[in-house]
């Protein structure tokens, strides 16, 4: 019976120690992330809008204002990652 009590005590102490160390690691990680974000924020890259190459807009089917609105909407929705290559009326 004494061996079981000793084993259970060691198990409880070991699991408590592991749990405490994991809490420390998690909190230190969160603190490190907060410090890095505060003192070294990610640089925001501003991309120039590329010229829109549209055959329909050049032919006069789509106005320049409409083309500019479409390009601005695509840029806003995609965060500057999207690129309009062709605009067609359906």
PDB file of N, CA and C in Angstrom:
ATOM      1  N   UNK A   1       0.813  -1.194   0.000  1.00  0.00           N
ATOM      2  CA  UNK A   1       0.000   0.000   0.000  1.00  0.00           C
ATOM      3  C   UNK A   1       0.863   1.267   0.000  1.00  0.00           C
ATOM      4  N   UNK A   2       1.999   1.155   0.673  1.00  0.00           N
ATOM      5  CA  UNK A   2       2.866   2.318   0.752  1.00  0.00           C
ATOM      6  C   UNK A   2       3.455   2.668  -0.615  1.00  0.00           C
ATOM      7  N   UNK A   3       3.708   1.660  -1.437  1.00  0.00           N
ATOM      8  CA  UNK A   3       4.250   1.910  -2.770  1.00  0.00           C
ATOM      9  C   UNK A   3       3.245   2.657  -3.651  1.00  0.00           C
ATOM     10  N   UNK A   4       1.964   2.330  -3.530  1.00  0.00           N
ATOM     11  CA  UNK A   4       0.936   3.011  -4.324  1.00  0.00           C
ATOM     12  C   UNK A   4       0.824   4.468  -3.897  1.00  0.00           C
ATOM     13  N   UNK A   5       0.874   4.732  -2.577  1.00  0.00           N
ATOM     14  CA  UNK A   5       0.798   6.103  -2.083  1.00  0.00           C
ATOM     15  C   UNK A   5       1.993   6.923  -2.571  1.00  0.00           C
ATOM     16  N   UNK A   6       3.164   6.317  -2.523  1.00  0.00           N
ATOM     17  CA  UNK A   6       4.367   7.008  -3.001  1.00  0.00           C
ATOM     18  C   UNK A   6       4.274   7.280  -4.503  1.00  0.00           C
ATOM     19  N   UNK A   7       3.787   6.321  -5.256  1.00  0.00           N
ATOM     20  CA  UNK A   7       3.631   6.497  -6.700  1.00  0.00           C
ATOM     21  C   UNK A   7       2.628   7.582  -7.040  1.00  0.00           C
ATOM     22  N   UNK A   8       1.492   7.576  -6.335  1.00  0.00           N
ATOM     23  CA  UNK A   8       0.480   8.625  -6.580  1.00  0.00           C
ATOM     24  C   UNK A   8       1.009   9.999  -6.200  1.00  0.00           C
ATOM     25  N   UNK A   9       1.749  10.088  -5.099  1.00  0.00           N
ATOM     26  CA  UNK A   9       2.325  11.365  -4.681  1.00  0.00           C
ATOM     27  C   UNK A   9       3.323  11.878  -5.724  1.00  0.00           C
ATOM     28  N   UNK A  10       4.181  10.991  -6.210  1.00  0.00           N
ATOM     29  CA  UNK A  10       5.132  11.391  -7.250  1.00  0.00           C
ATOM     30  C   UNK A  10       4.419  11.823  -8.525  1.00  0.00           C
ATOM     31  N   UNK A  11       3.344  11.126  -8.882  1.00  0.00           N
ATOM     32  CA  UNK A  11       2.591  11.486 -10.079  1.00  0.00           C
ATOM     33  C   UNK A  11       1.960  12.875  -9.930  1.00  0.00           C
ATOM     34  N   UNK A  12       1.363  13.149  -8.782  1.00  0.00           N
ATOM     35  CA  UNK A  12       0.718  14.449  -8.554  1.00  0.00           C
ATOM     36  C   UNK A  12       1.759  15.564  -8.560  1.00  0.00           C
ATOM     37  N   UNK A  13       2.884  15.331  -7.891  1.00  0.00           N
ATOM     38  CA  UNK A  13       3.941  16.353  -7.858  1.00  0.00           C
ATOM     39  C   UNK A  13       4.493  16.587  -9.259  1.00  0.00           C
ATOM     40  N   UNK A  14       4.711  15.522 -10.015  1.00  0.00           N
ATOM     41  CA  UNK A  14       5.234  15.660 -11.375  1.00  0.00           C
ATOM     42  C   UNK A  14       4.274  16.382 -12.295  1.00  0.00           C
ATOM     43  N   UNK A  15       2.990  16.016 -12.244  1.00  0.00           N
ATOM     44  CA  UNK A  15       2.007  16.673 -13.114  1.00  0.00           C
ATOM     45  C   UNK A  15       1.830  18.145 -12.742  1.00  0.00           C
ATOM     46  N   UNK A  16       1.868  18.443 -11.444  1.00  0.00           N
ATOM     47  CA  UNK A  16       1.759  19.840 -11.007  1.00  0.00           C
ATOM     48  C   UNK A  16       2.963  20.649 -11.478  1.00  0.00           C
ATOM     49  N   UNK A  17       4.137  20.053 -11.397  1.00  0.00           N
ATOM     50  CA  UNK A  17       5.349  20.737 -11.854  1.00  0.00           C
ATOM     51  C   UNK A  17       5.298  21.014 -13.352  1.00  0.00           C
ATOM     52  N   UNK A  18       4.889  20.034 -14.127  1.00  0.00           N
ATOM     53  CA  UNK A  18       4.782  20.212 -15.577  1.00  0.00           C
ATOM     54  C   UNK A  18       3.755  21.284 -15.905  1.00  0.00           C
ATOM     55  N   UNK A  19       2.611  21.274 -15.233  1.00  0.00           N
ATOM     56  CA  UNK A  19       1.569  22.274 -15.470  1.00  0.00           C
ATOM     57  C   UNK A  19       2.081  23.675 -15.148  1.00  0.00           C
ATOM     58  N   UNK A  20       2.797  23.821 -14.030  1.00  0.00           N
ATOM     59  CA  UNK A  20       3.331  25.137 -13.642  1.00  0.00           C
ATOM     60  C   UNK A  20       4.356  25.627 -14.665  1.00  0.00           C
ATOM     61  N   UNK A  21       5.227  24.739 -15.127  1.00  0.00           N
ATOM     62  CA  UNK A  21       6.242  25.137 -16.110  1.00  0.00           C
ATOM     63  C   UNK A  21       5.591  25.534 -17.434  1.00  0.00           C
ATOM     64  N   UNK A  22       4.547  24.801 -17.836  1.00  0.00           N
ATOM     65  CA  UNK A  22       3.844  25.177 -19.066  1.00  0.00           C
ATOM     66  C   UNK A  22       3.175  26.538 -18.939  1.00  0.00           C
ATOM     67  N   UNK A  23       2.590  26.840 -17.792  1.00  0.00           N
ATOM     68  CA  UNK A  23       2.001  28.173 -17.581  1.00  0.00           C
ATOM     69  C   UNK A  23       3.068  29.266 -17.675  1.00  0.00           C
ATOM     70  N   UNK A  24       4.237  28.995 -17.112  1.00  0.00           N
ATOM     71  CA  UNK A  24       5.330  29.973 -17.179  1.00  0.00           C
ATOM     72  C   UNK A  24       5.765  30.185 -18.629  1.00  0.00           C
ATOM     73  N   UNK A  25       5.909  29.115 -19.380  1.00  0.00           N
ATOM     74  CA  UNK A  25       6.321  29.228 -20.792  1.00  0.00           C
ATOM     75  C   UNK A  25       5.281  30.003 -21.599  1.00  0.00           C
ATOM     76  N   UNK A  26       3.998  29.728 -21.378  1.00  0.00           N
ATOM     77  CA  UNK A  26       2.936  30.426 -22.107  1.00  0.00           C
ATOM     78  C   UNK A  26       2.962  31.915 -21.794  1.00  0.00           C
ATOM     79  N   UNK A  27       3.061  32.269 -20.516  1.00  0.00           N
ATOM     80  CA  UNK A  27       3.064  33.683 -20.140  1.00  0.00           C
ATOM     81  C   UNK A  27       4.312  34.412 -20.630  1.00  0.00           C
ATOM     82  N   UNK A  28       5.467  33.747 -20.579  1.00  0.00           N
ATOM     83  CA  UNK A  28       6.678  34.364 -21.127  1.00  0.00           C
ATOM     84  C   UNK A  28       6.568  34.566 -22.635  1.00  0.00           C
ATOM     85  N   UNK A  29       5.957  33.629 -23.328  1.00  0.00           N
ATOM     86  CA  UNK A  29       5.752  33.772 -24.770  1.00  0.00           C
ATOM     87  C   UNK A  29       4.844  34.939 -25.096  1.00  0.00           C
ATOM     88  N   UNK A  30       3.750  35.069 -24.351  1.00  0.00           N
ATOM     89  CA  UNK A  30       2.841  36.196 -24.572  1.00  0.00           C
ATOM     90  C   UNK A  30       3.540  37.523 -24.282  1.00  0.00           C
ATOM     91  N   UNK A  31       4.338  37.551 -23.228  1.00  0.00           N
ATOM     92  CA  UNK A  31       5.082  38.768 -22.907  1.00  0.00           C
ATOM     93  C   UNK A  31       6.085  39.125 -23.986  1.00  0.00           C
ATOM     94  N   UNK A  32       6.773  38.124 -24.509  1.00  0.00           N
ATOM     95  CA  UNK A  32       7.741  38.359 -25.579  1.00  0.00           C
ATOM     96  C   UNK A  32       7.051  38.877 -26.837  1.00  0.00           C
ATOM     97  N   UNK A  33       5.907  38.315 -27.165  1.00  0.00           N
ATOM     98  CA  UNK A  33       5.153  38.790 -28.332  1.00  0.00           C
ATOM     99  C   UNK A  33       4.725  40.241 -28.139  1.00  0.00           C
ATOM    100  N   UNK A  34       4.248  40.579 -26.936  1.00  0.00           N
ATOM    101  CA  UNK A  34       3.825  41.957 -26.664  1.00  0.00           C
ATOM    102  C   UNK A  34       5.007  42.923 -26.779  1.00  0.00           C
ATOM    103  N   UNK A  35       6.169  42.536 -26.251  1.00  0.00           N
ATOM    104  CA  UNK A  35       7.348  43.404 -26.345  1.00  0.00           C
ATOM    105  C   UNK A  35       7.798  43.605 -27.788  1.00  0.00           C
ATOM    106  N   UNK A  36       7.821  42.543 -28.548  1.00  0.00           N
ATOM    107  CA  UNK A  36       8.253  42.648 -29.944  1.00  0.00           C
ATOM    108  C   UNK A  36       7.286  43.516 -30.736  1.00  0.00           C
ATOM    109  N   UNK A  37       5.985  43.338 -30.520  1.00  0.00           N
ATOM    110  CA  UNK A  37       5.005  44.151 -31.233  1.00  0.00           C
ATOM    111  C   UNK A  37       5.074  45.615 -30.824  1.00  0.00           C
ATOM    112  N   UNK A  38       5.458  45.888 -29.585  1.00  0.00           N
ATOM    113  CA  UNK A  38       5.524  47.270 -29.118  1.00  0.00           C
ATOM    114  C   UNK A  38       6.764  47.989 -29.649  1.00  0.00           C
ATOM    115  N   UNK A  39       7.921  47.329 -29.596  1.00  0.00           N
ATOM    116  CA  UNK A  39       9.169  47.995 -29.934  1.00  0.00           C
ATOM    117  C   UNK A  39       9.661  47.740 -31.351  1.00  0.00           C
ATOM    118  N   UNK A  40       9.156  46.731 -32.009  1.00  0.00           N
ATOM    119  CA  UNK A  40       9.569  46.445 -33.386  1.00  0.00           C
ATOM    120  C   UNK A  40       8.350  46.025 -34.196  1.00  0.00           C
ATOM    121  N   UNK A  41       7.418  46.974 -34.444  1.00  0.00           N
ATOM    122  CA  UNK A  41       6.214  46.595 -35.190  1.00  0.00           C
ATOM    123  C   UNK A  41       6.538  46.216 -36.624  1.00  0.00           C
ATOM    124  N   UNK A  42       5.645  45.439 -37.205  1.00  0.00           N
ATOM    125  CA  UNK A  42       5.826  44.993 -38.580  1.00  0.00           C
ATOM    126  C   UNK A  42       5.707  46.182 -39.527  1.00  0.00           C
ATOM    127  N   UNK A  43       6.606  46.246 -40.481  1.00  0.00           N
ATOM    128  CA  UNK A  43       6.582  47.335 -41.439  1.00  0.00           C
ATOM    129  C   UNK A  43       5.443  47.144 -42.423  1.00  0.00           C
ATOM    130  N   UNK A  44       4.750  48.240 -42.718  1.00  0.00           N
ATOM    131  CA  UNK A  44       3.655  48.195 -43.675  1.00  0.00           C
ATOM    132  C   UNK A  44       4.206  48.594 -45.037  1.00  0.00           C
ATOM    133  N   UNK A  45       4.060  47.715 -45.995  1.00  0.00           N
ATOM    134  CA  UNK A  45       4.572  47.967 -47.332  1.00  0.00           C
ATOM    135  C   UNK A  45       3.446  48.579 -48.163  1.00  0.00           C
ATOM    136  N   UNK A  46       3.691  49.767 -48.688  1.00  0.00           N
ATOM    137  CA  UNK A  46       2.707  50.443 -49.518  1.00  0.00           C
ATOM    138  C   UNK A  46       3.096  50.216 -50.967  1.00  0.00           C
ATOM    139  N   UNK A  47       2.193  49.602 -51.695  1.00  0.00           N
ATOM    140  CA  UNK A  47       2.470  49.322 -53.103  1.00  0.00           C
ATOM    141  C   UNK A  47       1.767  50.355 -53.970  1.00  0.00           C
ATOM    142  N   UNK A  48       2.428  50.735 -55.036  1.00  0.00           N
ATOM    143  CA  UNK A  48       1.807  51.640 -55.992  1.00  0.00           C
ATOM    144  C   UNK A  48       0.805  50.860 -56.827  1.00  0.00           C
ATOM    145  N   UNK A  49      -0.289  51.515 -57.160  1.00  0.00           N
ATOM    146  CA  UNK A  49      -1.279  50.844 -57.996  1.00  0.00           C
ATOM    147  C   UNK A  49      -0.750  50.765 -59.423  1.00  0.00           C
ATOM    148  N   UNK A  50      -0.786  49.583 -59.954  1.00  0.00           N
ATOM    149  CA  UNK A  50      -0.310  49.369 -61.319  1.00  0.00           C
ATOM    150  C   UNK A  50      -1.326  49.923 -62.305  1.00  0.00           C
ATOM    151  N   UNK A  51      -0.837  50.305 -63.444  1.00  0.00           N
ATOM    152  CA  UNK A  51      -1.726  50.797 -64.488  1.00  0.00           C
ATOM    153  C   UNK A  51      -2.643  49.663 -64.936  1.00  0.00           C
ATOM    154  N   UNK A  52      -3.907  49.989 -65.100  1.00  0.00           N
ATOM    155  CA  UNK A  52      -4.886  48.976 -65.485  1.00  0.00           C
ATOM    156  C   UNK A  52      -4.904  48.854 -66.999  1.00  0.00           C
ATOM    157  N   UNK A  53      -4.768  47.635 -67.443  1.00  0.00           N
ATOM    158  CA  UNK A  53      -4.731  47.357 -68.865  1.00  0.00           C
ATOM    159  C   UNK A  53      -6.074  46.756 -69.252  1.00  0.00           C
ATOM    160  N   UNK A  54      -6.923  47.566 -69.806  1.00  0.00           N
ATOM    161  CA  UNK A  54      -8.249  47.072 -70.171  1.00  0.00           C
ATOM    162  C   UNK A  54      -8.560  47.468 -71.595  1.00  0.00           C
ATOM    163  N   UNK A  55      -8.971  46.507 -72.357  1.00  0.00           N
ATOM    164  CA  UNK A  55      -9.336  46.800 -73.736  1.00  0.00           C
ATOM    165  C   UNK A  55     -10.714  47.437 -73.799  1.00  0.00           C
ATOM    166  N   UNK A  56     -11.598  47.031 -72.887  1.00  0.00           N
ATOM    167  CA  UNK A  56     -12.950  47.572 -72.900  1.00  0.00           C
ATOM    168  C   UNK A  56     -12.955  49.041 -72.483  1.00  0.00           C
ATOM    169  N   UNK A  57     -12.135  49.405 -71.498  1.00  0.00           N
ATOM    170  CA  UNK A  57     -12.092  50.794 -71.050  1.00  0.00           C
ATOM    171  C   UNK A  57     -11.455  51.681 -72.111  1.00  0.00           C
ATOM    172  N   UNK A  58     -10.480  51.167 -72.814  1.00  0.00           N
ATOM    173  CA  UNK A  58      -9.827  51.953 -73.845  1.00  0.00           C
ATOM    174  C   UNK A  58     -10.735  52.134 -75.052  1.00  0.00           C
ATOM    175  N   UNK A  59     -11.598  51.170 -75.280  1.00  0.00           N
ATOM    176  CA  UNK A  59     -12.503  51.268 -76.419  1.00  0.00           C
ATOM    177  C   UNK A  59     -13.671  52.196 -76.132  1.00  0.00           C
ATOM    178  N   UNK A  60     -13.838  52.614 -74.889  1.00  0.00           N
ATOM    179  CA  UNK A  60     -14.915  53.535 -74.562  1.00  0.00           C
ATOM    180  C   UNK A  60     -16.138  52.843 -73.986  1.00  0.00           C
ATOM    181  N   UNK A  61     -16.105  51.540 -73.820  1.00  0.00           N
ATOM    182  CA  UNK A  61     -17.257  50.834 -73.267  1.00  0.00           C
ATOM    183  C   UNK A  61     -17.403  51.065 -71.770  1.00  0.00           C
ATOM    184  N   UNK A  62     -16.278  51.237 -71.067  1.00  0.00           N
ATOM    185  CA  UNK A  62     -16.309  51.475 -69.625  1.00  0.00           C
ATOM    186  C   UNK A  62     -15.603  52.801 -69.376  1.00  0.00           C
ATOM    187  N   UNK A  63     -16.228  53.672 -68.583  1.00  0.00           N
ATOM    188  CA  UNK A  63     -15.652  54.994 -68.348  1.00  0.00           C
ATOM    189  C   UNK A  63     -14.439  54.898 -67.427  1.00  0.00           C
ATOM    190  N   UNK A  64     -13.651  55.939 -67.433  1.00  0.00           N
ATOM    191  CA  UNK A  64     -12.462  55.989 -66.584  1.00  0.00           C
ATOM    192  C   UNK A  64     -12.804  55.982 -65.110  1.00  0.00           C
ATOM    193  N   UNK A  65     -13.914  56.627 -64.742  1.00  0.00           N
ATOM    194  CA  UNK A  65     -14.338  56.650 -63.337  1.00  0.00           C
ATOM    195  C   UNK A  65     -14.728  55.252 -62.872  1.00  0.00           C
ATOM    196  N   UNK A  66     -15.423  54.519 -63.744  1.00  0.00           N
ATOM    197  CA  UNK A  66     -15.824  53.155 -63.390  1.00  0.00           C
ATOM    198  C   UNK A  66     -14.600  52.269 -63.238  1.00  0.00           C
ATOM    199  N   UNK A  67     -13.650  52.422 -64.136  1.00  0.00           N
ATOM    200  CA  UNK A  67     -12.412  51.642 -64.054  1.00  0.00           C
ATOM    201  C   UNK A  67     -11.665  51.958 -62.764  1.00  0.00           C
ATOM    202  N   UNK A  68     -11.569  53.239 -62.424  1.00  0.00           N
ATOM    203  CA  UNK A  68     -10.884  53.630 -61.190  1.00  0.00           C
ATOM    204  C   UNK A  68     -11.598  53.078 -59.967  1.00  0.00           C
ATOM    205  N   UNK A  69     -12.926  53.076 -59.979  1.00  0.00           N
ATOM    206  CA  UNK A  69     -13.693  52.542 -58.859  1.00  0.00           C
ATOM    207  C   UNK A  69     -13.471  51.040 -58.708  1.00  0.00           C
ATOM    208  N   UNK A  70     -13.422  50.320 -59.825  1.00  0.00           N
ATOM    209  CA  UNK A  70     -13.195  48.872 -59.772  1.00  0.00           C
ATOM    210  C   UNK A  70     -11.799  48.573 -59.240  1.00  0.00           C
ATOM    211  N   UNK A  71     -10.801  49.305 -59.724  1.00  0.00           N
ATOM    212  CA  UNK A  71      -9.432  49.101 -59.263  1.00  0.00           C
ATOM    213  C   UNK A  71      -9.317  49.412 -57.772  1.00  0.00           C
ATOM    214  N   UNK A  72      -9.935  50.495 -57.309  1.00  0.00           N
ATOM    215  CA  UNK A  72      -9.883  50.850 -55.892  1.00  0.00           C
ATOM    216  C   UNK A  72     -10.579  49.801 -55.032  1.00  0.00           C
ATOM    217  N   UNK A  73     -11.719  49.280 -55.502  1.00  0.00           N
ATOM    218  CA  UNK A  73     -12.438  48.254 -54.738  1.00  0.00           C
ATOM    219  C   UNK A  73     -11.623  46.969 -54.632  1.00  0.00           C
ATOM    220  N   UNK A  74     -11.020  46.546 -55.722  1.00  0.00           N
ATOM    221  CA  UNK A  74     -10.198  45.330 -55.699  1.00  0.00           C
ATOM    222  C   UNK A  74      -9.003  45.521 -54.779  1.00  0.00           C
ATOM    223  N   UNK A  75      -8.381  46.699 -54.832  1.00  0.00           N
ATOM    224  CA  UNK A  75      -7.229  46.974 -53.984  1.00  0.00           C
ATOM    225  C   UNK A  75      -7.619  46.966 -52.511  1.00  0.00           C
ATOM    226  N   UNK A  76      -8.778  47.534 -52.190  1.00  0.00           N
ATOM    227  CA  UNK A  76      -9.226  47.595 -50.800  1.00  0.00           C
ATOM    228  C   UNK A  76      -9.581  46.208 -50.268  1.00  0.00           C
ATOM    229  N   UNK A  77     -10.288  45.433 -51.067  1.00  0.00           N
ATOM    230  CA  UNK A  77     -10.730  44.113 -50.617  1.00  0.00           C
ATOM    231  C   UNK A  77      -9.553  43.160 -50.456  1.00  0.00           C
ATOM    232  N   UNK A  78      -8.582  43.231 -51.353  1.00  0.00           N
ATOM    233  CA  UNK A  78      -7.459  42.292 -51.303  1.00  0.00           C
ATOM    234  C   UNK A  78      -6.275  42.831 -50.515  1.00  0.00           C
ATOM    235  N   UNK A  79      -6.392  44.021 -49.940  1.00  0.00           N
ATOM    236  CA  UNK A  79      -5.295  44.584 -49.164  1.00  0.00           C
ATOM    237  C   UNK A  79      -4.088  44.945 -50.005  1.00  0.00           C
ATOM    238  N   UNK A  80      -4.299  45.318 -51.237  1.00  0.00           N
ATOM    239  CA  UNK A  80      -3.212  45.702 -52.130  1.00  0.00           C
ATOM    240  C   UNK A  80      -2.553  44.518 -52.825  1.00  0.00           C
ATOM    241  N   UNK A  81      -3.034  43.305 -52.576  1.00  0.00           N
ATOM    242  CA  UNK A  81      -2.427  42.112 -53.163  1.00  0.00           C
ATOM    243  C   UNK A  81      -3.021  41.784 -54.532  1.00  0.00           C
ATOM    244  N   UNK A  82      -4.266  42.213 -54.772  1.00  0.00           N
ATOM    245  CA  UNK A  82      -4.933  41.885 -56.026  1.00  0.00           C
ATOM    246  C   UNK A  82      -4.554  42.834 -57.138  1.00  0.00           C
ATOM    247  N   UNK A  83      -4.738  42.389 -58.368  1.00  0.00           N
ATOM    248  CA  UNK A  83      -4.380  43.215 -59.525  1.00  0.00           C
ATOM    249  C   UNK A  83      -5.442  43.010 -60.598  1.00  0.00           C
ATOM    250  N   UNK A  84      -5.972  44.098 -61.115  1.00  0.00           N
ATOM    251  CA  UNK A  84      -6.976  44.039 -62.173  1.00  0.00           C
ATOM    252  C   UNK A  84      -6.224  43.975 -63.501  1.00  0.00           C
ATOM    253  N   UNK A  85      -6.475  42.937 -64.270  1.00  0.00           N
ATOM    254  CA  UNK A  85      -5.807  42.809 -65.564  1.00  0.00           C
ATOM    255  C   UNK A  85      -6.757  43.007 -66.728  1.00  0.00           C
ATOM    256  N   UNK A  86      -8.046  42.751 -66.509  1.00  0.00           N
ATOM    257  CA  UNK A  86      -8.990  42.883 -67.603  1.00  0.00           C
ATOM    258  C   UNK A  86     -10.377  43.143 -67.054  1.00  0.00           C
ATOM    259  N   UNK A  87     -11.082  44.078 -67.678  1.00  0.00           N
ATOM    260  CA  UNK A  87     -12.457  44.387 -67.277  1.00  0.00           C
ATOM    261  C   UNK A  87     -13.334  44.191 -68.508  1.00  0.00           C
ATOM    262  N   UNK A  88     -14.377  43.382 -68.339  1.00  0.00           N
ATOM    263  CA  UNK A  88     -15.293  43.120 -69.446  1.00  0.00           C
ATOM    264  C   UNK A  88     -16.740  43.285 -68.970  1.00  0.00           C
ATOM    265  N   UNK A  89     -17.573  43.816 -69.835  1.00  0.00           N
ATOM    266  CA  UNK A  89     -18.993  43.817 -69.554  1.00  0.00           C
ATOM    267  C   UNK A  89     -19.562  42.455 -69.915  1.00  0.00           C
ATOM    268  N   UNK A  90     -20.430  41.956 -69.074  1.00  0.00           N
ATOM    269  CA  UNK A  90     -21.004  40.634 -69.330  1.00  0.00           C
ATOM    270  C   UNK A  90     -22.357  40.801 -69.990  1.00  0.00           C
TER     271      UNK A  90
END
